[in-house]
Amino acid sequence: MRFRKSITIFKGVKLNFSKSGVSLTVGGKGVSTNIGKKGVFLNTSIPGTGLYDRKKIADFGGDEKKKKAAPAVKPLDSASVAEQAELYRLEAANEAFVDIGTHACDMPDWTDDQLAMRPDDDAVEAAIERWLGELKLPIDFKVSFEYEDGALLADLDLPEIEHLPLQKVQQTTGGDLKAKDKTQKELKAEYARCVFGLGMFLASHFFSATPHMERALISAYTQRRDSRGEIVDDYIYSVIFDRQAFEKPGYQAEEPEAFLCRFKNRMNKAADGTLKKIVPYGPEDL
């Protein structure tokens, strides 16, 4: 880590019961699975953004007419509920984190006073530190950063590829739910989308801290073994963002990798999807 402010984001797990009846919720902020008399529901959200989704993934019977009108979903027996719910929870955690770039924020509507008044660097750092401290995501990562004179420099300690779920959940033609191992190609593609999307997500919120931030340098690294078998930090991308691209409505729909490539960057992606080691930018490159 090259900068002095350091925030670690932990994943949370908690257990809840519904007041409307006997139900069980497995998971925590961001991803949870609710099991009750009406069936199994998958809840996903990005805490701190107001974005939330709830969908039914299995039922225990119910109205016959609704069953015929809806796509076939085979009811789960009580013995398989916990297993299937856990599979969906893991799959949802993977999906929520892999698609983190889609939750990058829009720039605030700044008041005339905010545009006219330039906050001191410590105030900007405090605002970013407070946001990071309140953020909860499915996988751990760490950010160290400094802000000075309109430029933010951050090092991002990425989650590892093995932190992503190694299996995906599929529904068979008979309505059964089953887990299937992901291929190495799928895992590498999901990991790339994850880490590029995370940079996109963080940069958007950094710029939203103040209208006077002009550039944000984010250099991301992961832990790997070197030729001697020792664990080292390998930087796999370094991007100098400018705020103009984040002021364009709908930019969140872009592919994270393509979006990052619009800026001055250093990254090296092999044909098999492996993100190779690079030398990151430094303050002198801004």
C-alpha atoms as a PDB file:
ATOM      1  CA  MET A   1       0.000   0.000   0.000  1.00  0.00           C
ATOM      2  CA  ARG A   2       1.344   3.382  -1.016  1.00  0.00           C
ATOM      3  CA  PHE A   3      -1.104   5.784   0.651  1.00  0.00           C
ATOM      4  CA  ARG A   4      -1.912   6.526   4.261  1.00  0.00           C
ATOM      5  CA  LYS A   5      -5.733   6.252   4.560  1.00  0.00           C
ATOM      6  CA  SER A   6      -6.827   2.607   4.814  1.00  0.00           C
ATOM      7  CA  ILE A   7     -10.384   1.230   5.058  1.00  0.00           C
ATOM      8  CA  THR A   8     -11.308  -2.460   5.132  1.00  0.00           C
ATOM      9  CA  ILE A   9     -14.813  -3.529   4.051  1.00  0.00           C
ATOM     10  CA  PHE A  10     -16.145  -6.690   5.724  1.00  0.00           C
ATOM     11  CA  LYS A  11     -18.917  -8.924   4.516  1.00  0.00           C
ATOM     12  CA  GLY A  12     -21.762  -9.414   7.042  1.00  0.00           C
ATOM     13  CA  VAL A  13     -23.915 -12.375   7.894  1.00  0.00           C
ATOM     14  CA  LYS A  14     -27.004 -12.314  10.103  1.00  0.00           C
ATOM     15  CA  LEU A  15     -30.091 -14.383  10.895  1.00  0.00           C
ATOM     16  CA  ASN A  16     -33.682 -12.971  10.970  1.00  0.00           C
ATOM     17  CA  PHE A  17     -37.243 -14.195  11.510  1.00  0.00           C
ATOM     18  CA  SER A  18     -40.367 -12.733   9.875  1.00  0.00           C
ATOM     19  CA  LYS A  19     -43.159 -11.306  12.056  1.00  0.00           C
ATOM     20  CA  SER A  20     -45.840 -12.483   9.614  1.00  0.00           C
ATOM     21  CA  GLY A  21     -45.034 -16.131  10.241  1.00  0.00           C
ATOM     22  CA  VAL A  22     -42.192 -18.560  10.668  1.00  0.00           C
ATOM     23  CA  SER A  23     -39.449 -17.680   8.199  1.00  0.00           C
ATOM     24  CA  LEU A  24     -35.693 -17.768   8.036  1.00  0.00           C
ATOM     25  CA  THR A  25     -33.348 -15.320   6.346  1.00  0.00           C
ATOM     26  CA  VAL A  26     -29.821 -16.483   5.604  1.00  0.00           C
ATOM     27  CA  GLY A  27     -27.273 -13.871   4.598  1.00  0.00           C
ATOM     28  CA  GLY A  28     -26.699 -10.227   5.402  1.00  0.00           C
ATOM     29  CA  LYS A  29     -26.599  -6.783   3.867  1.00  0.00           C
ATOM     30  CA  GLY A  30     -26.310  -7.122   0.112  1.00  0.00           C
ATOM     31  CA  VAL A  31     -27.487 -10.707  -0.301  1.00  0.00           C
ATOM     32  CA  SER A  32     -29.952 -12.830   1.656  1.00  0.00           C
ATOM     33  CA  THR A  33     -32.347 -15.720   1.138  1.00  0.00           C
ATOM     34  CA  ASN A  34     -35.719 -15.795   2.916  1.00  0.00           C
ATOM     35  CA  ILE A  35     -37.394 -19.147   3.531  1.00  0.00           C
ATOM     36  CA  GLY A  36     -41.034 -19.083   4.657  1.00  0.00           C
ATOM     37  CA  LYS A  37     -44.473 -20.548   4.088  1.00  0.00           C
ATOM     38  CA  LYS A  38     -44.816 -18.699   0.775  1.00  0.00           C
ATOM     39  CA  GLY A  39     -41.582 -20.116  -0.603  1.00  0.00           C
ATOM     40  CA  VAL A  40     -37.948 -19.114  -1.020  1.00  0.00           C
ATOM     41  CA  PHE A  41     -37.115 -15.521  -1.936  1.00  0.00           C
ATOM     42  CA  LEU A  42     -33.790 -14.066  -3.032  1.00  0.00           C
ATOM     43  CA  ASN A  43     -33.018 -10.528  -1.793  1.00  0.00           C
ATOM     44  CA  THR A  44     -30.139  -8.548  -3.303  1.00  0.00           C
ATOM     45  CA  SER A  45     -29.076  -4.952  -2.756  1.00  0.00           C
ATOM     46  CA  ILE A  46     -26.102  -2.607  -2.666  1.00  0.00           C
ATOM     47  CA  PRO A  47     -26.262  -1.004   0.816  1.00  0.00           C
ATOM     48  CA  GLY A  48     -25.851   2.729   0.755  1.00  0.00           C
ATOM     49  CA  THR A  49     -27.266   3.053  -2.780  1.00  0.00           C
ATOM     50  CA  GLY A  50     -30.987   2.373  -2.220  1.00  0.00           C
ATOM     51  CA  LEU A  51     -30.923  -0.329  -4.921  1.00  0.00           C
ATOM     52  CA  TYR A  52     -32.863  -3.461  -3.958  1.00  0.00           C
ATOM     53  CA  ASP A  53     -34.325  -6.507  -5.702  1.00  0.00           C
ATOM     54  CA  ARG A  54     -36.482  -9.390  -4.449  1.00  0.00           C
ATOM     55  CA  LYS A  55     -37.509 -12.395  -6.488  1.00  0.00           C
ATOM     56  CA  LYS A  56     -39.079 -15.785  -5.813  1.00  0.00           C
ATOM     57  CA  ILE A  57     -36.814 -18.727  -6.582  1.00  0.00           C
ATOM     58  CA  ALA A  58     -38.929 -21.652  -5.314  1.00  0.00           C
ATOM     59  CA  ASP A  59     -42.301 -22.355  -3.690  1.00  0.00           C
ATOM     60  CA  PHE A  60     -43.951 -24.963  -1.502  1.00  0.00           C
ATOM     61  CA  GLY A  61     -47.191 -25.354  -3.454  1.00  0.00           C
ATOM     62  CA  GLY A  62     -50.036 -22.829  -3.574  1.00  0.00           C
ATOM     63  CA  ASP A  63     -52.681 -21.748  -6.019  1.00  0.00           C
ATOM     64  CA  GLU A  64     -52.979 -24.145  -8.973  1.00  0.00           C
ATOM     65  CA  LYS A  65     -53.976 -21.413 -11.426  1.00  0.00           C
ATOM     66  CA  LYS A  66     -50.896 -19.382 -10.597  1.00  0.00           C
ATOM     67  CA  LYS A  67     -48.756 -22.470 -11.071  1.00  0.00           C
ATOM     68  CA  LYS A  68     -50.131 -23.043 -14.575  1.00  0.00           C
ATOM     69  CA  ALA A  69     -49.707 -19.406 -15.597  1.00  0.00           C
ATOM     70  CA  ALA A  70     -46.179 -19.038 -14.260  1.00  0.00           C
ATOM     71  CA  PRO A  71     -42.995 -20.683 -15.581  1.00  0.00           C
ATOM     72  CA  ALA A  72     -42.441 -24.095 -14.055  1.00  0.00           C
ATOM     73  CA  VAL A  73     -40.690 -23.906 -10.692  1.00  0.00           C
ATOM     74  CA  LYS A  74     -40.568 -27.197  -8.843  1.00  0.00           C
ATOM     75  CA  PRO A  75     -41.500 -26.898  -5.140  1.00  0.00           C
ATOM     76  CA  LEU A  76     -38.678 -27.753  -2.774  1.00  0.00           C
ATOM     77  CA  ASP A  77     -39.172 -30.329  -0.053  1.00  0.00           C
ATOM     78  CA  SER A  78     -38.058 -29.406   3.455  1.00  0.00           C
ATOM     79  CA  ALA A  79     -34.928 -31.566   3.263  1.00  0.00           C
ATOM     80  CA  SER A  80     -33.536 -29.627   0.300  1.00  0.00           C
ATOM     81  CA  VAL A  81     -34.487 -26.065   1.294  1.00  0.00           C
ATOM     82  CA  ALA A  82     -31.306 -25.203   3.178  1.00  0.00           C
ATOM     83  CA  GLU A  83     -29.036 -26.624   0.478  1.00  0.00           C
ATOM     84  CA  GLN A  84     -30.841 -24.889  -2.399  1.00  0.00           C
ATOM     85  CA  ALA A  85     -31.130 -21.607  -0.515  1.00  0.00           C
ATOM     86  CA  GLU A  86     -27.406 -21.599   0.168  1.00  0.00           C
ATOM     87  CA  LEU A  87     -26.663 -22.232  -3.495  1.00  0.00           C
ATOM     88  CA  TYR A  88     -28.841 -19.281  -4.471  1.00  0.00           C
ATOM     89  CA  ARG A  89     -27.259 -17.097  -1.808  1.00  0.00           C
ATOM     90  CA  LEU A  90     -23.788 -17.831  -3.166  1.00  0.00           C
ATOM     91  CA  GLU A  91     -24.904 -17.297  -6.738  1.00  0.00           C
ATOM     92  CA  ALA A  92     -26.553 -13.999  -5.794  1.00  0.00           C
ATOM     93  CA  ALA A  93     -23.418 -12.843  -3.992  1.00  0.00           C
ATOM     94  CA  ASN A  94     -21.406 -13.609  -7.086  1.00  0.00           C
ATOM     95  CA  GLU A  95     -23.850 -11.792  -9.377  1.00  0.00           C
ATOM     96  CA  ALA A  96     -24.107  -8.753  -7.108  1.00  0.00           C
ATOM     97  CA  PHE A  97     -20.351  -8.332  -6.889  1.00  0.00           C
ATOM     98  CA  VAL A  98     -19.516  -9.188 -10.502  1.00  0.00           C
ATOM     99  CA  ASP A  99     -21.985  -6.527 -11.660  1.00  0.00           C
ATOM    100  CA  ILE A 100     -20.837  -3.882  -9.173  1.00  0.00           C
ATOM    101  CA  GLY A 101     -19.990  -1.513 -12.046  1.00  0.00           C
ATOM    102  CA  THR A 102     -23.674  -1.129 -12.888  1.00  0.00           C
ATOM    103  CA  HIS A 103     -24.153   0.499  -9.468  1.00  0.00           C
ATOM    104  CA  ALA A 104     -21.682   3.307 -10.074  1.00  0.00           C
ATOM    105  CA  CYS A 105     -23.388   6.532  -9.021  1.00  0.00           C
ATOM    106  CA  ASP A 106     -24.597   9.553 -10.949  1.00  0.00           C
ATOM    107  CA  MET A 107     -22.964  12.846 -10.101  1.00  0.00           C
ATOM    108  CA  PRO A 108     -24.924  14.943  -7.562  1.00  0.00           C
ATOM    109  CA  ASP A 109     -26.616  18.206  -8.498  1.00  0.00           C
ATOM    110  CA  TRP A 110     -24.203  20.614  -6.893  1.00  0.00           C
ATOM    111  CA  THR A 111     -25.492  23.859  -5.401  1.00  0.00           C
ATOM    112  CA  ASP A 112     -23.952  27.201  -6.339  1.00  0.00           C
ATOM    113  CA  ASP A 113     -22.390  27.376  -2.871  1.00  0.00           C
ATOM    114  CA  GLN A 114     -20.782  23.942  -3.280  1.00  0.00           C
ATOM    115  CA  LEU A 115     -19.430  24.883  -6.674  1.00  0.00           C
ATOM    116  CA  ALA A 116     -18.061  28.176  -5.382  1.00  0.00           C
ATOM    117  CA  MET A 117     -16.604  26.890  -2.118  1.00  0.00           C
ATOM    118  CA  ARG A 118     -13.608  24.576  -2.444  1.00  0.00           C
ATOM    119  CA  PRO A 119     -13.422  22.302   0.647  1.00  0.00           C
ATOM    120  CA  ASP A 120     -10.022  21.633   2.160  1.00  0.00           C
ATOM    121  CA  ASP A 121      -8.327  18.349   1.346  1.00  0.00           C
ATOM    122  CA  ASP A 122      -8.898  16.900   4.826  1.00  0.00           C
ATOM    123  CA  ALA A 123     -12.663  17.426   4.516  1.00  0.00           C
ATOM    124  CA  VAL A 124     -12.755  15.547   1.202  1.00  0.00           C
ATOM    125  CA  GLU A 125     -10.718  12.690   2.655  1.00  0.00           C
ATOM    126  CA  ALA A 126     -13.030  12.531   5.671  1.00  0.00           C
ATOM    127  CA  ALA A 127     -16.117  12.320   3.426  1.00  0.00           C
ATOM    128  CA  ILE A 128     -14.620   9.455   1.409  1.00  0.00           C
ATOM    129  CA  GLU A 129     -13.433   7.674   4.531  1.00  0.00           C
ATOM    130  CA  ARG A 130     -16.914   7.924   6.057  1.00  0.00           C
ATOM    131  CA  TRP A 131     -18.547   6.491   2.908  1.00  0.00           C
ATOM    132  CA  LEU A 132     -16.114   3.588   2.753  1.00  0.00           C
ATOM    133  CA  GLY A 133     -16.628   2.861   6.419  1.00  0.00           C
ATOM    134  CA  GLU A 134     -20.393   2.500   5.903  1.00  0.00           C
ATOM    135  CA  LEU A 135     -20.157   0.432   2.717  1.00  0.00           C
ATOM    136  CA  LYS A 136     -20.948  -3.293   2.811  1.00  0.00           C
ATOM    137  CA  LEU A 137     -20.267  -5.580  -0.138  1.00  0.00           C
ATOM    138  CA  PRO A 138     -20.252  -9.385  -0.485  1.00  0.00           C
ATOM    139  CA  ILE A 139     -16.448  -9.694  -0.724  1.00  0.00           C
ATOM    140  CA  ASP A 140     -13.660  -8.035   1.279  1.00  0.00           C
ATOM    141  CA  PHE A 141     -11.319  -5.462  -0.233  1.00  0.00           C
ATOM    142  CA  LYS A 142      -9.147  -2.634   1.020  1.00  0.00           C
ATOM    143  CA  VAL A 143      -8.593   0.925  -0.228  1.00  0.00           C
ATOM    144  CA  SER A 144      -5.736   3.228   0.714  1.00  0.00           C
ATOM    145  CA  PHE A 145      -5.865   6.767  -0.607  1.00  0.00           C
ATOM    146  CA  GLU A 146      -4.736  10.379  -0.492  1.00  0.00           C
ATOM    147  CA  TYR A 147      -6.415  13.500  -1.856  1.00  0.00           C
ATOM    148  CA  GLU A 148      -4.640  16.755  -2.625  1.00  0.00           C
ATOM    149  CA  ASP A 149      -5.323  19.739  -4.876  1.00  0.00           C
ATOM    150  CA  GLY A 150      -8.093  18.158  -6.933  1.00  0.00           C
ATOM    151  CA  ALA A 151      -6.412  14.796  -7.454  1.00  0.00           C
ATOM    152  CA  LEU A 152      -7.081  11.525  -5.657  1.00  0.00           C
ATOM    153  CA  LEU A 153      -4.563   8.675  -5.638  1.00  0.00           C
ATOM    154  CA  ALA A 154      -5.784   5.274  -4.474  1.00  0.00           C
ATOM    155  CA  ASP A 155      -4.426   1.760  -4.223  1.00  0.00           C
ATOM    156  CA  LEU A 156      -7.083  -0.959  -4.339  1.00  0.00           C
ATOM    157  CA  ASP A 157      -6.375  -4.348  -2.736  1.00  0.00           C
ATOM    158  CA  LEU A 158      -8.665  -6.555  -4.805  1.00  0.00           C
ATOM    159  CA  PRO A 159     -10.593  -9.663  -3.812  1.00  0.00           C
ATOM    160  CA  GLU A 160      -9.010 -12.851  -5.127  1.00  0.00           C
ATOM    161  CA  ILE A 161     -10.490 -14.937  -7.917  1.00  0.00           C
ATOM    162  CA  GLU A 162     -10.991 -17.836  -5.495  1.00  0.00           C
ATOM    163  CA  HIS A 163     -13.354 -15.618  -3.452  1.00  0.00           C
ATOM    164  CA  LEU A 164     -15.941 -15.854  -6.224  1.00  0.00           C
ATOM    165  CA  PRO A 165     -18.323 -18.831  -6.017  1.00  0.00           C
ATOM    166  CA  LEU A 166     -16.890 -21.707  -8.045  1.00  0.00           C
ATOM    167  CA  GLN A 167     -20.327 -23.035  -8.953  1.00  0.00           C
ATOM    168  CA  LYS A 168     -23.411 -21.668 -10.663  1.00  0.00           C
ATOM    169  CA  VAL A 169     -27.019 -22.689 -10.077  1.00  0.00           C
ATOM    170  CA  GLN A 170     -29.058 -24.053 -12.961  1.00  0.00           C
ATOM    171  CA  GLN A 171     -32.640 -25.253 -13.265  1.00  0.00           C
ATOM    172  CA  THR A 172     -33.150 -28.468 -15.194  1.00  0.00           C
ATOM    173  CA  THR A 173     -36.005 -29.046 -17.631  1.00  0.00           C
ATOM    174  CA  GLY A 174     -37.692 -31.052 -14.871  1.00  0.00           C
ATOM    175  CA  GLY A 175     -37.674 -28.044 -12.541  1.00  0.00           C
ATOM    176  CA  ASP A 176     -34.897 -29.287 -10.246  1.00  0.00           C
ATOM    177  CA  LEU A 177     -32.138 -26.961  -9.066  1.00  0.00           C
ATOM    178  CA  LYS A 178     -28.564 -28.153  -9.390  1.00  0.00           C
ATOM    179  CA  ALA A 179     -25.069 -26.765  -8.980  1.00  0.00           C
ATOM    180  CA  LYS A 180     -22.598 -26.903 -11.827  1.00  0.00           C
ATOM    181  CA  ASP A 181     -18.890 -26.082 -11.681  1.00  0.00           C
ATOM    182  CA  LYS A 182     -17.850 -22.992 -13.619  1.00  0.00           C
ATOM    183  CA  THR A 183     -15.145 -23.346 -16.226  1.00  0.00           C
ATOM    184  CA  GLN A 184     -11.828 -21.549 -15.841  1.00  0.00           C
ATOM    185  CA  LYS A 185     -12.821 -19.347 -18.767  1.00  0.00           C
ATOM    186  CA  GLU A 186     -16.047 -18.355 -16.997  1.00  0.00           C
ATOM    187  CA  LEU A 187     -14.247 -17.647 -13.719  1.00  0.00           C
ATOM    188  CA  LYS A 188     -11.605 -15.468 -15.389  1.00  0.00           C
ATOM    189  CA  ALA A 189     -14.252 -13.533 -17.319  1.00  0.00           C
ATOM    190  CA  GLU A 190     -16.303 -12.960 -14.143  1.00  0.00           C
ATOM    191  CA  TYR A 191     -13.224 -11.929 -12.182  1.00  0.00           C
ATOM    192  CA  ALA A 192     -12.218  -9.386 -14.838  1.00  0.00           C
ATOM    193  CA  ARG A 193     -15.718  -7.905 -14.846  1.00  0.00           C
ATOM    194  CA  CYS A 194     -15.636  -7.857 -11.048  1.00  0.00           C
ATOM    195  CA  VAL A 195     -12.327  -6.036 -10.601  1.00  0.00           C
ATOM    196  CA  PHE A 196     -12.831  -3.560 -13.458  1.00  0.00           C
ATOM    197  CA  GLY A 197     -16.368  -2.873 -12.246  1.00  0.00           C
ATOM    198  CA  LEU A 198     -15.102  -2.282  -8.724  1.00  0.00           C
ATOM    199  CA  GLY A 199     -12.711   0.397 -10.004  1.00  0.00           C
ATOM    200  CA  MET A 200     -15.564   2.013 -11.941  1.00  0.00           C
ATOM    201  CA  PHE A 201     -17.831   1.909  -8.878  1.00  0.00           C
ATOM    202  CA  LEU A 202     -15.233   3.420  -6.527  1.00  0.00           C
ATOM    203  CA  ALA A 203     -14.143   6.147  -8.952  1.00  0.00           C
ATOM    204  CA  SER A 204     -17.736   7.339  -9.356  1.00  0.00           C
ATOM    205  CA  HIS A 205     -18.178   7.725  -5.607  1.00  0.00           C
ATOM    206  CA  PHE A 206     -14.794   9.412  -5.219  1.00  0.00           C
ATOM    207  CA  PHE A 207     -15.834  12.063  -7.763  1.00  0.00           C
ATOM    208  CA  SER A 208     -19.189  12.487  -6.024  1.00  0.00           C
ATOM    209  CA  ALA A 209     -17.401  13.552  -2.824  1.00  0.00           C
ATOM    210  CA  THR A 210     -16.622  16.994  -4.266  1.00  0.00           C
ATOM    211  CA  PRO A 211     -17.168  18.840  -7.575  1.00  0.00           C
ATOM    212  CA  HIS A 212     -13.564  20.016  -7.390  1.00  0.00           C
ATOM    213  CA  MET A 213     -11.942  16.588  -7.847  1.00  0.00           C
ATOM    214  CA  GLU A 214     -10.547  16.601 -11.376  1.00  0.00           C
ATOM    215  CA  ARG A 215      -8.675  13.290 -11.567  1.00  0.00           C
ATOM    216  CA  ALA A 216      -8.639   9.980  -9.721  1.00  0.00           C
ATOM    217  CA  LEU A 217      -5.786   7.519 -10.134  1.00  0.00           C
ATOM    218  CA  ILE A 218      -6.780   3.996  -9.077  1.00  0.00           C
ATOM    219  CA  SER A 219      -4.152   1.261  -9.151  1.00  0.00           C
ATOM    220  CA  ALA A 220      -5.446  -2.219  -8.333  1.00  0.00           C
ATOM    221  CA  TYR A 221      -3.415  -5.171  -7.118  1.00  0.00           C
ATOM    222  CA  THR A 222      -3.891  -8.786  -6.141  1.00  0.00           C
ATOM    223  CA  GLN A 223      -1.813 -11.301  -4.174  1.00  0.00           C
ATOM    224  CA  ARG A 224       0.103 -13.937  -6.144  1.00  0.00           C
ATOM    225  CA  ARG A 225       3.074 -16.236  -5.668  1.00  0.00           C
ATOM    226  CA  ASP A 226       6.321 -15.245  -7.350  1.00  0.00           C
ATOM    227  CA  SER A 227       8.929 -17.580  -8.815  1.00  0.00           C
ATOM    228  CA  ARG A 228      10.272 -18.288  -5.300  1.00  0.00           C
ATOM    229  CA  GLY A 229       6.837 -19.229  -4.014  1.00  0.00           C
ATOM    230  CA  GLU A 230       6.435 -16.079  -1.896  1.00  0.00           C
ATOM    231  CA  ILE A 231       3.204 -14.064  -1.768  1.00  0.00           C
ATOM    232  CA  VAL A 232       3.628 -10.659  -3.432  1.00  0.00           C
ATOM    233  CA  ASP A 233       1.369  -7.795  -4.527  1.00  0.00           C
ATOM    234  CA  ASP A 234       0.937  -7.740  -8.309  1.00  0.00           C
ATOM    235  CA  TYR A 235      -0.700  -4.663  -9.818  1.00  0.00           C
ATOM    236  CA  ILE A 236      -3.034  -5.686 -12.652  1.00  0.00           C
ATOM    237  CA  TYR A 237      -4.432  -2.328 -13.720  1.00  0.00           C
ATOM    238  CA  SER A 238      -3.788   1.360 -13.183  1.00  0.00           C
ATOM    239  CA  VAL A 239      -6.199   3.982 -14.533  1.00  0.00           C
ATOM    240  CA  ILE A 240      -6.233   7.782 -14.450  1.00  0.00           C
ATOM    241  CA  PHE A 241      -9.942   8.680 -14.439  1.00  0.00           C
ATOM    242  CA  ASP A 242     -11.300  12.137 -15.202  1.00  0.00           C
ATOM    243  CA  ARG A 243     -14.737  13.216 -14.027  1.00  0.00           C
ATOM    244  CA  GLN A 244     -16.172  14.162 -17.425  1.00  0.00           C
ATOM    245  CA  ALA A 245     -17.067  10.564 -18.376  1.00  0.00           C
ATOM    246  CA  PHE A 246     -18.927  10.094 -15.092  1.00  0.00           C
ATOM    247  CA  GLU A 247     -21.181  13.063 -15.840  1.00  0.00           C
ATOM    248  CA  LYS A 248     -22.660  11.312 -18.890  1.00  0.00           C
ATOM    249  CA  PRO A 249     -26.092   9.774 -18.072  1.00  0.00           C
ATOM    250  CA  GLY A 250     -26.264   5.999 -18.432  1.00  0.00           C
ATOM    251  CA  TYR A 251     -22.527   5.339 -18.469  1.00  0.00           C
ATOM    252  CA  GLN A 252     -23.127   2.518 -15.939  1.00  0.00           C
ATOM    253  CA  ALA A 253     -24.463   0.339 -18.783  1.00  0.00           C
ATOM    254  CA  GLU A 254     -21.043   0.189 -20.440  1.00  0.00           C
ATOM    255  CA  GLU A 255     -18.860  -2.880 -20.046  1.00  0.00           C
ATOM    256  CA  PRO A 256     -16.447  -2.066 -17.176  1.00  0.00           C
ATOM    257  CA  GLU A 257     -13.322  -3.074 -19.090  1.00  0.00           C
ATOM    258  CA  ALA A 258     -14.299  -0.989 -22.133  1.00  0.00           C
ATOM    259  CA  PHE A 259     -15.158   1.947 -19.870  1.00  0.00           C
ATOM    260  CA  LEU A 260     -11.763   1.830 -18.132  1.00  0.00           C
ATOM    261  CA  CYS A 261     -10.005   1.646 -21.496  1.00  0.00           C
ATOM    262  CA  ARG A 262     -11.463   5.049 -22.386  1.00  0.00           C
ATOM    263  CA  PHE A 263      -8.988   6.594 -19.924  1.00  0.00           C
ATOM    264  CA  LYS A 264      -5.224   6.633 -19.765  1.00  0.00           C
ATOM    265  CA  ASN A 265      -4.465   3.177 -18.423  1.00  0.00           C
ATOM    266  CA  ARG A 266      -2.023   0.361 -17.921  1.00  0.00           C
ATOM    267  CA  MET A 267      -3.413  -3.174 -18.126  1.00  0.00           C
ATOM    268  CA  ASN A 268      -2.362  -6.378 -19.844  1.00  0.00           C
ATOM    269  CA  LYS A 269      -4.988  -9.054 -20.434  1.00  0.00           C
ATOM    270  CA  ALA A 270      -3.786 -12.345 -21.934  1.00  0.00           C
ATOM    271  CA  ALA A 271      -5.732 -14.296 -24.556  1.00  0.00           C
ATOM    272  CA  ASP A 272      -6.904 -16.784 -21.903  1.00  0.00           C
ATOM    273  CA  GLY A 273      -8.327 -13.966 -19.761  1.00  0.00           C
ATOM    274  CA  THR A 274      -5.484 -13.786 -17.223  1.00  0.00           C
ATOM    275  CA  LEU A 275      -4.712 -10.263 -16.001  1.00  0.00           C
ATOM    276  CA  LYS A 276      -0.938  -9.934 -16.093  1.00  0.00           C
ATOM    277  CA  LYS A 277       1.299  -7.874 -13.822  1.00  0.00           C
ATOM    278  CA  ILE A 278       1.851  -4.203 -14.746  1.00  0.00           C
ATOM    279  CA  VAL A 279       3.796  -1.245 -13.343  1.00  0.00           C
ATOM    280  CA  PRO A 280       1.274   1.239 -11.885  1.00  0.00           C
ATOM    281  CA  TYR A 281       1.193   4.960 -12.460  1.00  0.00           C
ATOM    282  CA  GLY A 282       2.530   7.244  -9.744  1.00  0.00           C
ATOM    283  CA  PRO A 283       1.779  10.831  -8.652  1.00  0.00           C
ATOM    284  CA  GLU A 284       4.249  12.093 -11.237  1.00  0.00           C
ATOM    285  CA  ASP A 285       2.000  10.739 -14.027  1.00  0.00           C
ATOM    286  CA  LEU A 286      -0.975  12.952 -13.141  1.00  0.00           C
END
